[in-house]
All heavy atoms as atom14 arrays in JSON, in Angstrom:
{
  "sequence": "EGVLQETGDRLLARFPWLQVNALVGDYTAGLDHLPRPAGRCLYVFL",
  "atom14_mask": [
    [1, 1, 1, 1, 1, 1, 1, 1, 1, 0, 0, 0, 0, 0],
    [1, 1, 1, 1, 0, 0, 0, 0, 0, 0, 0, 0, 0, 0],
    [1, 1, 1, 1, 1, 1, 1, 0, 0, 0, 0, 0, 0, 0],
    [1, 1, 1, 1, 1, 1, 1, 1, 0, 0, 0, 0, 0, 0],
    [1, 1, 1, 1, 1, 1, 1, 1, 1, 0, 0, 0, 0, 0],
    [1, 1, 1, 1, 1, 1, 1, 1, 1, 0, 0, 0, 0, 0],
    [1, 1, 1, 1, 1, 1, 1, 0, 0, 0, 0, 0, 0, 0],
    [1, 1, 1, 1, 0, 0, 0, 0, 0, 0, 0, 0, 0, 0],
    [1, 1, 1, 1, 1, 1, 1, 1, 0, 0, 0, 0, 0, 0],
    [1, 1, 1, 1, 1, 1, 1, 1, 1, 1, 1, 0, 0, 0],
    [1, 1, 1, 1, 1, 1, 1, 1, 0, 0, 0, 0, 0, 0],
    [1, 1, 1, 1, 1, 1, 1, 1, 0, 0, 0, 0, 0, 0],
    [1, 1, 1, 1, 1, 0, 0, 0, 0, 0, 0, 0, 0, 0],
    [1, 1, 1, 1, 1, 1, 1, 1, 1, 1, 1, 0, 0, 0],
    [1, 1, 1, 1, 1, 1, 1, 1, 1, 1, 1, 0, 0, 0],
    [1, 1, 1, 1, 1, 1, 1, 0, 0, 0, 0, 0, 0, 0],
    [1, 1, 1, 1, 1, 1, 1, 1, 1, 1, 1, 1, 1, 1],
    [1, 1, 1, 1, 1, 1, 1, 1, 0, 0, 0, 0, 0, 0],
    [1, 1, 1, 1, 1, 1, 1, 1, 1, 0, 0, 0, 0, 0],
    [1, 1, 1, 1, 1, 1, 1, 0, 0, 0, 0, 0, 0, 0],
    [1, 1, 1, 1, 1, 1, 1, 1, 0, 0, 0, 0, 0, 0],
    [1, 1, 1, 1, 1, 0, 0, 0, 0, 0, 0, 0, 0, 0],
    [1, 1, 1, 1, 1, 1, 1, 1, 0, 0, 0, 0, 0, 0],
    [1, 1, 1, 1, 1, 1, 1, 0, 0, 0, 0, 0, 0, 0],
    [1, 1, 1, 1, 0, 0, 0, 0, 0, 0, 0, 0, 0, 0],
    [1, 1, 1, 1, 1, 1, 1, 1, 0, 0, 0, 0, 0, 0],
    [1, 1, 1, 1, 1, 1, 1, 1, 1, 1, 1, 1, 0, 0],
    [1, 1, 1, 1, 1, 1, 1, 0, 0, 0, 0, 0, 0, 0],
    [1, 1, 1, 1, 1, 0, 0, 0, 0, 0, 0, 0, 0, 0],
    [1, 1, 1, 1, 0, 0, 0, 0, 0, 0, 0, 0, 0, 0],
    [1, 1, 1, 1, 1, 1, 1, 1, 0, 0, 0, 0, 0, 0],
    [1, 1, 1, 1, 1, 1, 1, 1, 0, 0, 0, 0, 0, 0],
    [1, 1, 1, 1, 1, 1, 1, 1, 1, 1, 0, 0, 0, 0],
    [1, 1, 1, 1, 1, 1, 1, 1, 0, 0, 0, 0, 0, 0],
    [1, 1, 1, 1, 1, 1, 1, 0, 0, 0, 0, 0, 0, 0],
    [1, 1, 1, 1, 1, 1, 1, 1, 1, 1, 1, 0, 0, 0],
    [1, 1, 1, 1, 1, 1, 1, 0, 0, 0, 0, 0, 0, 0],
    [1, 1, 1, 1, 1, 0, 0, 0, 0, 0, 0, 0, 0, 0],
    [1, 1, 1, 1, 0, 0, 0, 0, 0, 0, 0, 0, 0, 0],
    [1, 1, 1, 1, 1, 1, 1, 1, 1, 1, 1, 0, 0, 0],
    [1, 1, 1, 1, 1, 1, 0, 0, 0, 0, 0, 0, 0, 0],
    [1, 1, 1, 1, 1, 1, 1, 1, 0, 0, 0, 0, 0, 0],
    [1, 1, 1, 1, 1, 1, 1, 1, 1, 1, 1, 1, 0, 0],
    [1, 1, 1, 1, 1, 1, 1, 0, 0, 0, 0, 0, 0, 0],
    [1, 1, 1, 1, 1, 1, 1, 1, 1, 1, 1, 0, 0, 0],
    [1, 1, 1, 1, 1, 1, 1, 1, 0, 0, 0, 0, 0, 0]
  ],
  "atom14_positions": [
    [[0.82, -1.21, 0.0], [0.0, 0.0, 0.0], [0.85, 1.26, 0.0], [0.53, 2.24, -0.67], [-0.94, -0.01, 1.21], [-1.88, 1.17, 1.25], [-2.95, 1.06, 2.33], [-3.12, -0.04, 2.9], [-3.61, 2.08, 2.58], [0.0, 0.0, 0.0], [0.0, 0.0, 0.0], [0.0, 0.0, 0.0], [0.0, 0.0, 0.0], [0.0, 0.0, 0.0]],
    [[1.96, 1.24, 0.74], [2.81, 2.42, 0.81], [3.36, 2.8, -0.55], [3.41, 3.99, -0.91], [0.0, 0.0, 0.0], [0.0, 0.0, 0.0], [0.0, 0.0, 0.0], [0.0, 0.0, 0.0], [0.0, 0.0, 0.0], [0.0, 0.0, 0.0], [0.0, 0.0, 0.0], [0.0, 0.0, 0.0], [0.0, 0.0, 0.0], [0.0, 0.0, 0.0]],
    [[3.78, 1.81, -1.33], [4.31, 2.07, -2.67], [3.21, 2.61, -3.57], [3.45, 3.53, -4.37], [4.94, 0.79, -3.26], [5.29, 0.98, -4.73], [6.19, 0.4, -2.47], [0.0, 0.0, 0.0], [0.0, 0.0, 0.0], [0.0, 0.0, 0.0], [0.0, 0.0, 0.0], [0.0, 0.0, 0.0], [0.0, 0.0, 0.0], [0.0, 0.0, 0.0]],
    [[2.0, 2.08, -3.45], [0.88, 2.57, -4.26], [0.58, 4.04, -3.94], [0.3, 4.83, -4.86], [-0.36, 1.71, -4.01], [-0.35, 0.31, -4.62], [-1.49, -0.53, -4.04], [-0.49, 0.38, -6.14], [0.0, 0.0, 0.0], [0.0, 0.0, 0.0], [0.0, 0.0, 0.0], [0.0, 0.0, 0.0], [0.0, 0.0, 0.0], [0.0, 0.0, 0.0]],
    [[0.65, 4.41, -2.68], [0.4, 5.8, -2.3], [1.45, 6.72, -2.91], [1.12, 7.76, -3.51], [0.42, 5.94, -0.77], [-0.74, 5.27, -0.06], [-1.98, 6.14, 0.0], [-2.01, 7.25, -0.52], [-3.03, 5.64, 0.62], [0.0, 0.0, 0.0], [0.0, 0.0, 0.0], [0.0, 0.0, 0.0], [0.0, 0.0, 0.0], [0.0, 0.0, 0.0]],
    [[2.72, 6.35, -2.78], [3.81, 7.18, -3.31], [3.73, 7.28, -4.84], [3.93, 8.36, -5.42], [5.15, 6.6, -2.89], [5.43, 6.71, -1.4], [6.72, 6.03, -1.0], [7.5, 5.64, -1.92], [6.97, 5.87, 0.2], [0.0, 0.0, 0.0], [0.0, 0.0, 0.0], [0.0, 0.0, 0.0], [0.0, 0.0, 0.0], [0.0, 0.0, 0.0]],
    [[3.44, 6.15, -5.47], [3.34, 6.13, -6.93], [2.19, 7.0, -7.41], [2.31, 7.74, -8.39], [3.17, 4.69, -7.42], [4.32, 3.93, -7.05], [2.99, 4.64, -8.93], [0.0, 0.0, 0.0], [0.0, 0.0, 0.0], [0.0, 0.0, 0.0], [0.0, 0.0, 0.0], [0.0, 0.0, 0.0], [0.0, 0.0, 0.0], [0.0, 0.0, 0.0]],
    [[1.05, 6.89, -6.73], [-0.1, 7.71, -7.1], [0.21, 9.2, -7.03], [-0.12, 9.96, -7.95], [0.0, 0.0, 0.0], [0.0, 0.0, 0.0], [0.0, 0.0, 0.0], [0.0, 0.0, 0.0], [0.0, 0.0, 0.0], [0.0, 0.0, 0.0], [0.0, 0.0, 0.0], [0.0, 0.0, 0.0], [0.0, 0.0, 0.0], [0.0, 0.0, 0.0]],
    [[0.89, 9.61, -5.97], [1.25, 11.03, -5.84], [2.14, 11.48, -7.0], [1.93, 12.56, -7.57], [1.99, 11.26, -4.52], [1.09, 11.13, -3.29], [-0.14, 11.18, -3.46], [1.63, 10.97, -2.18], [0.0, 0.0, 0.0], [0.0, 0.0, 0.0], [0.0, 0.0, 0.0], [0.0, 0.0, 0.0], [0.0, 0.0, 0.0], [0.0, 0.0, 0.0]],
    [[3.1, 10.65, -7.36], [4.02, 11.02, -8.44], [3.31, 11.11, -9.78], [3.51, 12.07, -10.54], [5.16, 10.0, -8.52], [6.15, 10.26, -9.65], [7.25, 9.22, -9.66], [6.76, 7.87, -9.83], [6.39, 7.35, -11.0], [6.42, 8.08, -12.11], [5.96, 6.1, -11.07], [0.0, 0.0, 0.0], [0.0, 0.0, 0.0], [0.0, 0.0, 0.0]],
    [[2.47, 10.13, -10.08], [1.78, 10.11, -11.38], [0.77, 11.25, -11.5], [0.62, 11.85, -12.57], [1.09, 8.76, -11.59], [2.01, 7.57, -11.82], [1.2, 6.27, -11.86], [2.82, 7.73, -13.09], [0.0, 0.0, 0.0], [0.0, 0.0, 0.0], [0.0, 0.0, 0.0], [0.0, 0.0, 0.0], [0.0, 0.0, 0.0], [0.0, 0.0, 0.0]],
    [[0.08, 11.56, -10.42], [-0.9, 12.64, -10.47], [-0.22, 13.98, -10.69], [-0.78, 14.87, -11.35], [-1.71, 12.67, -9.18], [-2.65, 11.47, -8.96], [-3.31, 11.55, -7.59], [-3.7, 11.37, -10.05], [0.0, 0.0, 0.0], [0.0, 0.0, 0.0], [0.0, 0.0, 0.0], [0.0, 0.0, 0.0], [0.0, 0.0, 0.0], [0.0, 0.0, 0.0]],
    [[0.99, 14.13, -10.15], [1.73, 15.38, -10.37], [2.19, 15.48, -11.82], [2.22, 16.57, -12.39], [2.93, 15.44, -9.43], [0.0, 0.0, 0.0], [0.0, 0.0, 0.0], [0.0, 0.0, 0.0], [0.0, 0.0, 0.0], [0.0, 0.0, 0.0], [0.0, 0.0, 0.0], [0.0, 0.0, 0.0], [0.0, 0.0, 0.0], [0.0, 0.0, 0.0]],
    [[2.53, 14.35, -12.43], [3.04, 14.39, -13.8], [1.92, 14.52, -14.82], [2.09, 15.17, -15.86], [3.85, 13.12, -14.08], [4.34, 13.08, -15.52], [5.35, 12.02, -15.8], [5.69, 12.05, -17.22], [6.48, 11.17, -17.8], [7.04, 10.21, -17.11], [6.73, 11.27, -19.09], [0.0, 0.0, 0.0], [0.0, 0.0, 0.0], [0.0, 0.0, 0.0]],
    [[0.77, 13.85, -14.57], [-0.33, 13.84, -15.53], [-1.56, 14.48, -14.9], [-2.32, 13.81, -14.19], [-0.64, 12.41, -15.97], [0.51, 11.69, -16.63], [1.22, 10.72, -15.94], [0.88, 11.99, -17.93], [2.28, 10.05, -16.53], [1.94, 11.33, -18.54], [2.65, 10.36, -17.85], [0.0, 0.0, 0.0], [0.0, 0.0, 0.0], [0.0, 0.0, 0.0]],
    [[-1.79, 15.77, -15.12], [-2.89, 16.48, -14.47], [-4.27, 15.9, -14.8], [-5.22, 16.13, -14.04], [-2.75, 17.91, -15.01], [-1.33, 18.03, -15.43], [-0.95, 16.67, -15.93], [0.0, 0.0, 0.0], [0.0, 0.0, 0.0], [0.0, 0.0, 0.0], [0.0, 0.0, 0.0], [0.0, 0.0, 0.0], [0.0, 0.0, 0.0], [0.0, 0.0, 0.0]],
    [[-4.39, 15.19, -15.9], [-5.67, 14.64, -16.31], [-5.96, 13.26, -15.71], [-7.06, 12.73, -15.84], [-5.7, 14.49, -17.84], [-4.49, 13.77, -18.38], [-3.34, 14.36, -18.84], [-4.29, 12.36, -18.5], [-2.44, 13.39, -19.24], [-3.0, 12.16, -19.06], [-5.07, 11.23, -18.22], [-2.47, 10.88, -19.31], [-4.56, 9.97, -18.46], [-3.26, 9.81, -19.0]],
    [[-4.98, 12.67, -15.05], [-5.06, 11.26, -14.68], [-5.89, 11.02, -13.43], [-5.85, 11.8, -12.48], [-3.64, 10.72, -14.45], [-3.51, 9.2, -14.17], [-3.98, 8.38, -15.37], [-2.06, 8.86, -13.82], [0.0, 0.0, 0.0], [0.0, 0.0, 0.0], [0.0, 0.0, 0.0], [0.0, 0.0, 0.0], [0.0, 0.0, 0.0], [0.0, 0.0, 0.0]],
    [[-6.64, 9.93, -13.45], [-7.29, 9.4, -12.25], [-6.64, 8.06, -11.94], [-6.49, 7.21, -12.84], [-8.79, 9.21, -12.46], [-9.5, 8.64, -11.21], [-10.99, 8.45, -11.43], [-11.58, 9.04, -12.34], [-11.61, 7.63, -10.6], [0.0, 0.0, 0.0], [0.0, 0.0, 0.0], [0.0, 0.0, 0.0], [0.0, 0.0, 0.0], [0.0, 0.0, 0.0]],
    [[-6.26, 7.86, -10.68], [-5.62, 6.62, -10.24], [-6.51, 5.94, -9.22], [-6.83, 6.52, -8.17], [-4.23, 6.89, -9.62], [-3.61, 5.59, -9.11], [-3.3, 7.56, -10.64], [0.0, 0.0, 0.0], [0.0, 0.0, 0.0], [0.0, 0.0, 0.0], [0.0, 0.0, 0.0], [0.0, 0.0, 0.0], [0.0, 0.0, 0.0], [0.0, 0.0, 0.0]],
    [[-6.93, 4.73, -9.51], [-7.7, 3.91, -8.59], [-6.82, 2.74, -8.16], [-6.76, 1.71, -8.84], [-8.99, 3.39, -9.25], [-9.96, 4.51, -9.57], [-9.9, 5.59, -9.0], [-10.88, 4.25, -10.48], [0.0, 0.0, 0.0], [0.0, 0.0, 0.0], [0.0, 0.0, 0.0], [0.0, 0.0, 0.0], [0.0, 0.0, 0.0], [0.0, 0.0, 0.0]],
    [[-6.12, 2.91, -7.06], [-5.13, 1.91, -6.63], [-5.82, 0.71, -5.97], [-6.84, 0.85, -5.28], [-4.14, 2.55, -5.67], [0.0, 0.0, 0.0], [0.0, 0.0, 0.0], [0.0, 0.0, 0.0], [0.0, 0.0, 0.0], [0.0, 0.0, 0.0], [0.0, 0.0, 0.0], [0.0, 0.0, 0.0], [0.0, 0.0, 0.0], [0.0, 0.0, 0.0]],
    [[-5.23, -0.45, -6.2], [-5.78, -1.71, -5.71], [-4.72, -2.43, -4.88], [-3.62, -2.71, -5.37], [-6.21, -2.6, -6.88], [-7.21, -1.97, -7.86], [-7.3, -2.8, -9.14], [-8.59, -1.83, -7.22], [0.0, 0.0, 0.0], [0.0, 0.0, 0.0], [0.0, 0.0, 0.0], [0.0, 0.0, 0.0], [0.0, 0.0, 0.0], [0.0, 0.0, 0.0]],
    [[-5.06, -2.74, -3.64], [-4.13, -3.45, -2.75], [-4.56, -4.91, -2.67], [-5.69, -5.22, -2.3], [-4.14, -2.84, -1.33], [-3.11, -3.54, -0.44], [-3.88, -1.34, -1.38], [0.0, 0.0, 0.0], [0.0, 0.0, 0.0], [0.0, 0.0, 0.0], [0.0, 0.0, 0.0], [0.0, 0.0, 0.0], [0.0, 0.0, 0.0], [0.0, 0.0, 0.0]],
    [[-3.65, -5.8, -3.02], [-3.99, -7.21, -2.95], [-2.96, -8.07, -3.64], [-1.99, -7.58, -4.23], [0.0, 0.0, 0.0], [0.0, 0.0, 0.0], [0.0, 0.0, 0.0], [0.0, 0.0, 0.0], [0.0, 0.0, 0.0], [0.0, 0.0, 0.0], [0.0, 0.0, 0.0], [0.0, 0.0, 0.0], [0.0, 0.0, 0.0], [0.0, 0.0, 0.0]],
    [[-3.19, -9.37, -3.57], [-2.3, -10.37, -4.14], [-3.0, -11.0, -5.35], [-3.95, -11.76, -5.19], [-1.98, -11.44, -3.09], [-0.97, -12.47, -3.55], [-0.71, -12.56, -4.77], [-0.44, -13.2, -2.69], [0.0, 0.0, 0.0], [0.0, 0.0, 0.0], [0.0, 0.0, 0.0], [0.0, 0.0, 0.0], [0.0, 0.0, 0.0], [0.0, 0.0, 0.0]],
    [[-2.54, -10.67, -6.55], [-3.22, -11.17, -7.74], [-3.09, -12.68, -7.9], [-3.84, -13.29, -8.66], [-2.73, -10.45, -9.0], [-1.24, -10.52, -9.25], [-0.64, -11.64, -9.79], [-0.43, -9.42, -8.96], [0.72, -11.69, -10.02], [0.93, -9.46, -9.19], [1.5, -10.6, -9.71], [2.85, -10.65, -9.94], [0.0, 0.0, 0.0], [0.0, 0.0, 0.0]],
    [[-2.16, -13.31, -7.2], [-2.05, -14.78, -7.28], [-3.2, -15.47, -6.54], [-3.38, -16.68, -6.67], [-0.7, -15.27, -6.7], [-0.64, -15.0, -5.3], [0.46, -14.59, -7.41], [0.0, 0.0, 0.0], [0.0, 0.0, 0.0], [0.0, 0.0, 0.0], [0.0, 0.0, 0.0], [0.0, 0.0, 0.0], [0.0, 0.0, 0.0], [0.0, 0.0, 0.0]],
    [[-3.98, -14.7, -5.77], [-5.11, -15.26, -5.04], [-6.39, -15.26, -5.87], [-7.47, -15.49, -5.34], [-5.34, -14.5, -3.74], [0.0, 0.0, 0.0], [0.0, 0.0, 0.0], [0.0, 0.0, 0.0], [0.0, 0.0, 0.0], [0.0, 0.0, 0.0], [0.0, 0.0, 0.0], [0.0, 0.0, 0.0], [0.0, 0.0, 0.0], [0.0, 0.0, 0.0]],
    [[-6.26, -15.03, -7.17], [-7.41, -15.03, -8.06], [-7.94, -13.63, -8.29], [-7.68, -12.71, -7.51], [0.0, 0.0, 0.0], [0.0, 0.0, 0.0], [0.0, 0.0, 0.0], [0.0, 0.0, 0.0], [0.0, 0.0, 0.0], [0.0, 0.0, 0.0], [0.0, 0.0, 0.0], [0.0, 0.0, 0.0], [0.0, 0.0, 0.0], [0.0, 0.0, 0.0]],
    [[-8.69, -13.47, -9.36], [-9.13, -12.15, -9.8], [-10.65, -11.98, -9.74], [-11.19, -11.02, -10.31], [-8.64, -11.89, -11.23], [-7.13, -12.01, -11.44], [-6.79, -11.78, -12.91], [-6.36, -11.04, -10.55], [0.0, 0.0, 0.0], [0.0, 0.0, 0.0], [0.0, 0.0, 0.0], [0.0, 0.0, 0.0], [0.0, 0.0, 0.0], [0.0, 0.0, 0.0]],
    [[-11.33, -12.87, -9.04], [-12.79, -12.79, -8.98], [-13.29, -11.46, -8.44], [-14.36, -10.97, -8.83], [-13.36, -13.92, -8.11], [-13.2, -15.29, -8.74], [-12.64, -15.36, -9.85], [-13.6, -16.29, -8.11], [0.0, 0.0, 0.0], [0.0, 0.0, 0.0], [0.0, 0.0, 0.0], [0.0, 0.0, 0.0], [0.0, 0.0, 0.0], [0.0, 0.0, 0.0]],
    [[-12.53, -10.86, -7.52], [-12.97, -9.62, -6.88], [-12.25, -8.39, -7.44], [-12.41, -7.29, -6.9], [-12.75, -9.71, -5.37], [-13.45, -10.88, -4.74], [-14.82, -11.03, -4.8], [-12.97, -11.97, -4.07], [-15.16, -12.16, -4.18], [-14.07, -12.74, -3.75], [0.0, 0.0, 0.0], [0.0, 0.0, 0.0], [0.0, 0.0, 0.0], [0.0, 0.0, 0.0]],
    [[-11.49, -8.58, -8.49], [-10.86, -7.43, -9.14], [-11.94, -6.61, -9.83], [-12.75, -7.15, -10.59], [-9.84, -7.92, -10.17], [-9.06, -6.85, -10.92], [-8.13, -6.1, -9.98], [-8.25, -7.47, -12.07], [0.0, 0.0, 0.0], [0.0, 0.0, 0.0], [0.0, 0.0, 0.0], [0.0, 0.0, 0.0], [0.0, 0.0, 0.0], [0.0, 0.0, 0.0]],
    [[-12.01, -5.29, -9.58], [-13.05, -4.47, -10.23], [-12.98, -4.59, -11.75], [-11.9, -4.71, -12.34], [-12.71, -3.05, -9.77], [-11.96, -3.23, -8.49], [-11.18, -4.49, -8.66], [0.0, 0.0, 0.0], [0.0, 0.0, 0.0], [0.0, 0.0, 0.0], [0.0, 0.0, 0.0], [0.0, 0.0, 0.0], [0.0, 0.0, 0.0], [0.0, 0.0, 0.0]],
    [[-14.15, -4.57, -12.4], [-14.24, -4.55, -13.87], [-14.79, -3.18, -14.27], [-16.0, -3.0, -14.37], [-15.15, -5.66, -14.37], [-14.58, -7.06, -14.2], [-15.47, -8.05, -14.95], [-14.94, -9.39, -14.91], [-15.29, -10.31, -14.01], [-16.16, -9.99, -13.07], [-14.78, -11.52, -14.06], [0.0, 0.0, 0.0], [0.0, 0.0, 0.0], [0.0, 0.0, 0.0]],
    [[-13.93, -2.21, -14.49], [-14.43, -0.89, -14.85], [-15.13, -0.9, -16.2], [-14.77, -1.68, -17.09], [-13.18, -0.02, -14.88], [-12.05, -0.98, -15.08], [-12.46, -2.26, -14.45], [0.0, 0.0, 0.0], [0.0, 0.0, 0.0], [0.0, 0.0, 0.0], [0.0, 0.0, 0.0], [0.0, 0.0, 0.0], [0.0, 0.0, 0.0], [0.0, 0.0, 0.0]],
    [[-16.14, -0.06, -16.37], [-16.89, 0.0, -17.61], [-16.02, 0.63, -18.69], [-15.53, 1.75, -18.54], [-18.17, 0.82, -17.42], [0.0, 0.0, 0.0], [0.0, 0.0, 0.0], [0.0, 0.0, 0.0], [0.0, 0.0, 0.0], [0.0, 0.0, 0.0], [0.0, 0.0, 0.0], [0.0, 0.0, 0.0], [0.0, 0.0, 0.0], [0.0, 0.0, 0.0]],
    [[-15.82, -0.07, -19.77], [-15.0, 0.43, -20.87], [-13.87, -0.52, -21.2], [-13.58, -1.48, -20.47], [0.0, 0.0, 0.0], [0.0, 0.0, 0.0], [0.0, 0.0, 0.0], [0.0, 0.0, 0.0], [0.0, 0.0, 0.0], [0.0, 0.0, 0.0], [0.0, 0.0, 0.0], [0.0, 0.0, 0.0], [0.0, 0.0, 0.0], [0.0, 0.0, 0.0]],
    [[-13.2, -0.26, -22.29], [-12.15, -1.14, -22.81], [-10.91, -1.09, -21.89], [-10.39, -0.02, -21.58], [-11.78, -0.73, -24.22], [-10.84, -1.68, -24.94], [-10.82, -1.39, -26.43], [-10.69, 0.03, -26.73], [-11.69, 0.81, -27.12], [-12.92, 0.32, -27.26], [-11.5, 2.1, -27.37], [0.0, 0.0, 0.0], [0.0, 0.0, 0.0], [0.0, 0.0, 0.0]],
    [[-10.45, -2.26, -21.49], [-9.33, -2.37, -20.55], [-8.09, -2.93, -21.23], [-8.17, -3.91, -21.98], [-9.69, -3.28, -19.38], [-10.94, -2.62, -18.27], [0.0, 0.0, 0.0], [0.0, 0.0, 0.0], [0.0, 0.0, 0.0], [0.0, 0.0, 0.0], [0.0, 0.0, 0.0], [0.0, 0.0, 0.0], [0.0, 0.0, 0.0], [0.0, 0.0, 0.0]],
    [[-6.96, -2.32, -20.92], [-5.67, -2.9, -21.26], [-5.06, -3.38, -19.96], [-4.74, -2.58, -19.07], [-4.76, -1.86, -21.92], [-3.33, -2.33, -22.21], [-3.33, -3.51, -23.18], [-2.48, -1.19, -22.75], [0.0, 0.0, 0.0], [0.0, 0.0, 0.0], [0.0, 0.0, 0.0], [0.0, 0.0, 0.0], [0.0, 0.0, 0.0], [0.0, 0.0, 0.0]],
    [[-4.93, -4.7, -19.82], [-4.27, -5.29, -18.67], [-2.77, -5.34, -18.97], [-2.35, -5.72, -20.07], [-4.83, -6.68, -18.38], [-6.26, -6.62, -17.93], [-7.32, -6.69, -18.85], [-6.59, -6.45, -16.59], [-8.64, -6.59, -18.44], [-7.91, -6.36, -16.17], [-8.93, -6.44, -17.09], [-10.24, -6.34, -16.68], [0.0, 0.0, 0.0], [0.0, 0.0, 0.0]],
    [[-1.97, -4.95, -18.0], [-0.54, -4.79, -18.2], [0.19, -5.64, -17.17], [-0.1, -5.57, -15.97], [-0.14, -3.3, -18.06], [1.36, -3.14, -18.17], [-0.84, -2.45, -19.11], [0.0, 0.0, 0.0], [0.0, 0.0, 0.0], [0.0, 0.0, 0.0], [0.0, 0.0, 0.0], [0.0, 0.0, 0.0], [0.0, 0.0, 0.0], [0.0, 0.0, 0.0]],
    [[1.14, -6.44, -17.64], [1.94, -7.3, -16.77], [3.37, -7.26, -17.31], [3.73, -7.98, -18.25], [1.37, -8.73, -16.81], [1.82, -9.61, -15.67], [2.11, -9.09, -14.42], [1.94, -10.97, -15.86], [2.5, -9.91, -13.38], [2.33, -11.81, -14.82], [2.6, -11.28, -13.58], [0.0, 0.0, 0.0], [0.0, 0.0, 0.0], [0.0, 0.0, 0.0]],
    [[4.16, -6.36, -16.73], [5.47, -6.04, -17.29], [6.62, -6.64, -16.47], [6.4, -7.34, -15.48], [5.63, -4.52, -17.38], [4.66, -3.78, -18.29], [4.85, -2.28, -18.18], [4.81, -4.24, -19.73], [0.0, 0.0, 0.0], [0.0, 0.0, 0.0], [0.0, 0.0, 0.0], [0.0, 0.0, 0.0], [0.0, 0.0, 0.0], [0.0, 0.0, 0.0]]
  ]
}
């Protein structure tokens, strides 16, 4: 969570138009409860 908070602050300062909805959790525990936002999604795993 701490890294997500710091990252959100940095990205919001760089991109004034951006909205960040941070998610805290372990994706290896399954994605059933991962939010499905309305609209086309690009999932990124880098």
